[in-house]
Protein backbone atom coordinates (compact mmCIF):
# COMPACT_ATOMS: atom_id res chain seq x y z
CA UNK A 1 -116.23 167.12 130.11
CA UNK A 2 -112.46 167.36 129.85
CA UNK A 3 -110.11 168.52 132.54
CA UNK A 4 -107.87 171.45 131.65
CA UNK A 5 -104.27 171.71 132.87
CA UNK A 6 -102.50 175.07 132.56
CA UNK A 7 -98.71 175.06 132.63
CA UNK A 8 -98.73 171.87 130.63
CA UNK A 9 -95.07 172.17 129.62
CA UNK A 10 -93.71 172.48 133.15
CA UNK A 11 -92.69 169.81 135.64
CA UNK A 12 -96.07 169.55 137.31
CA UNK A 13 -97.96 169.92 134.04
CA UNK A 14 -96.10 166.95 132.57
CA UNK A 15 -96.63 164.94 135.75
CA UNK A 16 -100.36 165.72 135.68
CA UNK A 17 -100.51 164.56 132.06
CA UNK A 18 -98.95 161.25 133.11
CA UNK A 19 -101.34 160.69 136.02
CA UNK A 20 -104.47 161.78 134.14
CA UNK A 21 -103.47 159.59 131.20
CA UNK A 22 -102.96 156.59 133.47
CA UNK A 23 -106.42 157.13 134.99
CA UNK A 24 -108.11 157.47 131.62
CA UNK A 25 -109.28 161.03 132.26
CA UNK A 26 -110.10 163.11 129.19
CA UNK A 27 -107.91 166.20 129.52
CA UNK A 28 -106.18 169.03 127.69
CA UNK A 29 -102.77 170.36 128.74
CA UNK A 30 -102.10 173.90 127.59
CA UNK A 31 -98.86 175.87 127.70
CA UNK A 32 -98.39 179.62 127.46
CA UNK A 33 -98.49 179.42 123.65
CA UNK A 34 -102.03 178.01 123.88
CA UNK A 35 -103.31 180.50 126.44
CA UNK A 36 -101.81 183.62 127.98
CA UNK A 37 -103.42 183.54 131.42
CA UNK A 38 -102.49 187.19 131.91
CA UNK A 39 -105.21 188.09 129.38
CA UNK A 40 -108.50 188.09 131.27
CA UNK A 41 -110.74 188.22 128.19
CA UNK A 42 -108.88 185.51 126.31
CA UNK A 43 -108.78 183.26 129.37
CA UNK A 44 -112.54 183.49 129.91
CA UNK A 45 -113.22 183.10 126.19
CA UNK A 46 -111.19 179.92 125.70
CA UNK A 47 -112.23 178.24 128.93
CA UNK A 48 -115.89 179.05 128.33
CA UNK A 49 -115.60 177.49 124.87
CA UNK A 50 -113.94 174.32 126.21
CA UNK A 51 -116.38 173.95 129.13
CA UNK A 52 -114.01 171.87 131.29
CA UNK A 53 -115.23 170.21 134.46
CA UNK A 54 -111.92 170.88 136.22
CA UNK A 55 -109.27 173.58 135.71
CA UNK A 56 -105.84 172.99 137.28
CA UNK A 57 -103.45 175.91 137.41
CA UNK A 58 -99.90 174.56 137.31
CA UNK A 59 -98.70 177.66 135.46
CA UNK A 60 -96.48 180.03 137.41
CA UNK A 61 -93.53 182.37 137.35
CA UNK A 62 -91.12 180.18 139.33
CA UNK A 63 -87.78 181.94 138.81
CA UNK A 64 -87.41 183.29 142.33
CA UNK A 65 -84.41 185.52 141.67
CA UNK A 66 -85.69 186.88 138.35
CA UNK A 67 -88.88 187.93 140.10
CA UNK A 68 -86.87 190.41 142.16
CA UNK A 69 -85.83 192.11 138.93
CA UNK A 70 -89.31 192.01 137.37
CA UNK A 71 -91.98 192.23 140.08
CA UNK A 72 -94.60 193.30 137.55
CA UNK A 73 -94.01 190.20 135.46
CA UNK A 74 -94.16 187.87 138.46
CA UNK A 75 -97.39 189.41 139.72
CA UNK A 76 -98.92 189.32 136.24
CA UNK A 77 -98.59 185.54 136.13
CA UNK A 78 -98.86 184.52 139.79
CA UNK A 79 -101.50 186.98 140.93
CA UNK A 80 -103.42 188.28 137.92
CA UNK A 81 -103.15 184.98 136.05
CA UNK A 82 -104.48 183.04 139.04
CA UNK A 83 -107.37 185.50 139.39
CA UNK A 84 -108.20 185.27 135.68
CA UNK A 85 -108.31 181.48 135.82
CA UNK A 86 -110.44 181.46 138.97
CA UNK A 87 -112.87 183.86 137.32
CA UNK A 88 -113.00 181.80 134.13
CA UNK A 89 -113.47 178.55 136.05
CA UNK A 90 -116.29 180.11 138.05
CA UNK A 91 -117.97 181.34 134.87
CA UNK A 92 -117.67 177.88 133.31
CA UNK A 93 -118.93 176.15 136.46
CA UNK A 94 -115.67 174.19 136.75
CA UNK A 95 -113.76 173.06 139.82
CA UNK A 96 -110.58 175.11 140.18
CA UNK A 97 -107.32 173.78 141.62
CA UNK A 98 -104.52 176.29 142.13
CA UNK A 99 -100.95 175.32 143.01
CA UNK A 100 -99.10 177.52 145.49
CA UNK A 101 -95.91 177.38 147.52
CA UNK A 102 -94.16 177.26 150.88
CA UNK A 103 -92.69 180.67 149.99
CA UNK A 104 -95.91 182.36 151.17
CA UNK A 105 -94.54 181.96 154.73
CA UNK A 106 -91.72 183.82 156.47
CA UNK A 107 -89.56 180.77 157.13
CA UNK A 108 -89.25 181.69 160.80
CA UNK A 109 -90.87 178.91 162.81
CA UNK A 110 -90.14 176.08 165.23
CA UNK A 111 -92.97 173.87 163.95
CA UNK A 112 -94.42 172.92 160.55
CA UNK A 113 -96.55 175.62 158.97
CA UNK A 114 -100.31 175.20 159.33
CA UNK A 115 -102.68 175.82 156.44
CA UNK A 116 -104.19 178.86 158.20
CA UNK A 117 -100.92 180.42 159.39
CA UNK A 118 -100.27 184.04 158.52
CA UNK A 119 -98.80 184.65 155.08
CA UNK A 120 -95.57 186.65 155.43
CA UNK A 121 -93.47 186.14 152.30
CA UNK A 122 -89.84 187.26 152.09
CA UNK A 123 -89.54 187.72 148.33
CA UNK A 124 -91.34 189.10 145.30
CA UNK A 125 -92.04 185.53 144.19
CA UNK A 126 -93.56 184.67 147.57
CA UNK A 127 -95.54 187.91 147.64
CA UNK A 128 -96.94 187.28 144.17
CA UNK A 129 -97.98 183.72 145.07
CA UNK A 130 -99.55 184.86 148.35
CA UNK A 131 -101.50 187.54 146.48
CA UNK A 132 -102.65 184.90 143.99
CA UNK A 133 -104.01 182.76 146.82
CA UNK A 134 -105.95 185.69 148.25
CA UNK A 135 -107.42 186.56 144.85
CA UNK A 136 -108.49 182.96 144.17
CA UNK A 137 -110.14 182.55 147.56
CA UNK A 138 -111.93 185.88 147.29
CA UNK A 139 -113.13 185.31 143.75
CA UNK A 140 -114.05 181.63 143.88
CA UNK A 141 -113.36 180.17 147.30
CA UNK A 142 -116.54 178.11 147.16
CA UNK A 143 -115.20 176.08 144.23
CA UNK A 144 -111.43 176.16 144.61
CA UNK A 145 -108.61 174.09 146.02
CA UNK A 146 -105.25 175.60 146.85
CA UNK A 147 -102.46 173.04 147.02
CA UNK A 148 -99.26 174.43 148.54
CA UNK A 149 -96.16 172.46 147.72
CA UNK A 150 -92.38 172.76 148.11
CA UNK A 151 -89.01 171.83 146.60
CA UNK A 152 -90.53 170.21 143.52
CA UNK A 153 -88.42 167.83 141.41
CA UNK A 154 -88.91 165.39 138.55
CA UNK A 155 -87.25 163.98 135.46
CA UNK A 156 -88.46 167.02 133.50
CA UNK A 157 -87.07 170.53 133.18
CA UNK A 158 -84.59 172.10 135.57
CA UNK A 159 -84.65 171.24 139.25
CA UNK A 160 -82.33 170.56 142.17
CA UNK A 161 -82.54 166.76 141.91
CA UNK A 162 -81.45 166.80 138.27
CA UNK A 163 -78.66 169.28 138.97
CA UNK A 164 -77.27 167.18 141.81
CA UNK A 165 -77.63 164.00 139.75
CA UNK A 166 -75.67 165.60 136.93
CA UNK A 167 -72.91 166.66 139.33
CA UNK A 168 -72.85 163.22 140.92
CA UNK A 169 -72.48 161.44 137.60
CA UNK A 170 -70.36 163.80 135.51
CA UNK A 171 -68.22 165.91 137.87
CA UNK A 172 -65.44 165.29 140.34
CA UNK A 173 -64.60 166.93 143.62
CA UNK A 174 -66.68 168.60 146.29
CA UNK A 175 -70.17 170.00 145.89
CA UNK A 176 -71.10 172.66 148.45
CA UNK A 177 -74.75 172.61 149.53
CA UNK A 178 -76.48 174.71 152.18
CA UNK A 179 -77.68 173.03 155.35
CA UNK A 180 -79.45 175.97 157.03
CA UNK A 181 -82.56 175.87 154.84
CA UNK A 182 -85.01 173.09 155.70
CA UNK A 183 -88.03 171.96 153.74
CA UNK A 184 -89.66 169.01 152.00
CA UNK A 185 -88.38 167.60 148.70
CA UNK A 186 -91.53 166.76 146.75
CA UNK A 187 -91.97 164.49 143.75
CA UNK A 188 -93.95 166.14 140.94
CA UNK A 189 -95.60 162.79 140.20
CA UNK A 190 -96.62 162.38 143.84
CA UNK A 191 -98.02 165.91 143.85
CA UNK A 192 -99.92 165.31 140.62
CA UNK A 193 -101.42 162.13 142.04
CA UNK A 194 -102.43 163.92 145.24
CA UNK A 195 -104.14 166.71 143.32
CA UNK A 196 -106.04 164.37 141.02
CA UNK A 197 -107.04 162.04 143.87
CA UNK A 198 -108.29 164.97 145.96
CA UNK A 199 -110.47 166.30 143.16
CA UNK A 200 -111.84 162.87 142.28
CA UNK A 201 -112.60 162.18 145.96
CA UNK A 202 -114.49 165.49 146.11
CA UNK A 203 -112.63 166.68 149.20
CA UNK A 204 -113.94 169.90 150.76
CA UNK A 205 -112.64 172.99 148.99
CA UNK A 206 -109.91 174.93 150.75
CA UNK A 207 -106.16 175.01 151.38
CA UNK A 208 -104.10 171.82 151.57
CA UNK A 209 -100.37 171.30 152.02
CA UNK A 210 -99.38 168.85 149.31
CA UNK A 211 -95.74 168.01 149.99
CA UNK A 212 -93.97 164.75 150.68
CA UNK A 213 -93.66 163.96 154.40
CA UNK A 214 -90.61 164.35 156.59
CA UNK A 215 -88.07 167.11 156.26
CA UNK A 216 -84.56 167.71 154.97
CA UNK A 217 -82.03 170.44 154.37
CA UNK A 218 -80.71 170.95 150.86
CA UNK A 219 -77.57 169.22 152.12
CA UNK A 220 -79.59 166.18 153.24
CA UNK A 221 -81.41 166.13 149.90
CA UNK A 222 -78.13 166.25 147.96
CA UNK A 223 -76.56 163.51 150.04
CA UNK A 224 -79.53 161.23 149.41
CA UNK A 225 -79.27 161.88 145.67
CA UNK A 226 -75.55 161.08 145.64
CA UNK A 227 -76.22 157.90 147.59
CA UNK A 228 -78.89 156.78 145.12
CA UNK A 229 -76.48 157.53 142.28
CA UNK A 230 -74.04 155.19 144.07
CA UNK A 231 -71.26 157.76 144.29
CA UNK A 232 -69.38 158.99 147.36
CA UNK A 233 -71.70 161.04 149.55
CA UNK A 234 -68.60 162.60 151.14
CA UNK A 235 -68.34 164.78 148.04
CA UNK A 236 -71.34 166.73 149.34
CA UNK A 237 -69.99 169.37 151.73
CA UNK A 238 -72.00 171.46 154.18
CA UNK A 239 -72.13 175.19 153.87
CA UNK A 240 -74.69 177.89 154.69
CA UNK A 241 -76.70 180.34 152.67
CA UNK A 242 -74.32 183.23 153.41
CA UNK A 243 -71.94 181.66 150.87
CA UNK A 244 -74.52 181.91 148.08
CA UNK A 245 -75.68 185.51 147.87
CA UNK A 246 -78.79 185.73 145.72
CA UNK A 247 -81.24 188.52 144.86
CA UNK A 248 -84.18 186.86 146.65
CA UNK A 249 -84.36 185.83 150.28
CA UNK A 250 -85.15 182.16 150.91
CA UNK A 251 -87.18 180.92 153.89
CA UNK A 252 -85.00 179.16 156.44
CA UNK A 253 -87.71 176.78 157.62
CA UNK A 254 -90.50 175.93 155.21
CA UNK A 255 -91.71 172.53 156.38
CA UNK A 256 -95.43 172.30 155.68
CA UNK A 257 -97.82 170.71 158.15
CA UNK A 258 -100.42 168.30 156.81
CA UNK A 259 -103.28 168.79 159.27
CA UNK A 260 -105.91 169.41 156.58
CA UNK A 261 -105.66 165.86 155.27
CA UNK A 262 -106.57 164.50 158.68
CA UNK A 263 -109.32 167.06 159.14
CA UNK A 264 -111.26 165.81 156.11
CA UNK A 265 -111.69 162.48 157.92
CA UNK A 266 -113.64 159.79 156.15
CA UNK A 267 -114.49 162.19 153.34
CA UNK A 268 -110.87 161.84 152.30
CA UNK A 269 -111.28 158.19 151.44
CA UNK A 270 -107.91 156.98 150.25
CA UNK A 271 -106.45 160.50 150.12
CA UNK A 272 -104.13 160.94 153.07
CA UNK A 273 -100.81 162.51 153.92
CA UNK A 274 -98.25 162.10 151.14
CA UNK A 275 -95.48 159.53 151.66
CA UNK A 276 -92.00 160.18 153.04
CA UNK A 277 -89.72 162.16 150.75
CA UNK A 278 -86.96 159.54 150.80
CA UNK A 279 -89.30 156.83 149.53
CA UNK A 280 -90.60 159.08 146.76
CA UNK A 281 -87.07 160.11 145.74
CA UNK A 282 -85.89 156.49 145.62
CA UNK A 283 -88.71 155.67 143.21
CA UNK A 284 -88.10 158.74 141.05
CA UNK A 285 -84.31 158.47 140.73
CA UNK A 286 -84.07 155.88 137.91
CA UNK A 287 -86.06 158.17 135.59
CA UNK A 288 -84.05 161.20 136.72
CA UNK A 289 -80.75 159.42 136.10
CA UNK A 290 -81.98 158.32 132.67
CA UNK A 291 -83.07 161.88 131.81
CA UNK A 292 -79.73 163.35 132.91
CA UNK A 293 -77.78 160.82 130.85
CA UNK A 294 -79.97 161.46 127.83
CA UNK A 295 -79.33 165.22 128.07
CA UNK A 296 -75.54 164.85 128.06
């Protein structure tokens, strides 16, 4: 039976299509035009008709600031949509993989966040994603994975890596980037591979932190991008988040711990902690540079 990817037009959806295609997995990738996950009846109807063996939810409301202006819309997608998909997957007897975020935590910590740490989101976006997790686990915890990730980037769509690459290649002068928010830049392709590998290895269901290893501030991330673009890293100038006033609060420290990968032990097979973010970025940058140049 085919795998079904929701959010097929987004960064992760496109990355999943690449990885599944490379592995020869029969799959369908649907965007919002193919299925409105906010419609419970339609979601169950279409998924029951397809009878997939795996359902991966890469669909989400990801505009953090816009969520503050439309909480109902954010919760419709991130909470209700997640619940609808979990219900439909359960009805179809499919494995369900749901993608969540570091924003479910408060950002106030002196150590990486553990998978079972208390959810305490700071924003509507974080609240909606946290509520989605709870709904999925309550509805279909016995057949679901939750993969939390952070600071996703790729050659597709809009993301920080592409923005910084564009500034590095096409602009002059200083670029101010905050250094008081710390997290884990994560390659969408690496995340897609981790998700697919985990499902194929039949890891125990539950919550996993699927982010590249190490940590960086946005300033560190930007400097690395400028370096890989072979332009002066001195153009990247430190600042702090007080300079950029935005509708939604951002977590100051959202480094995710990876204890769950070690806990699965030998059941994990070849699925371990994801590689260091600098290594992943170095591999991804040629495609990102090509995409940015093509969009000019």
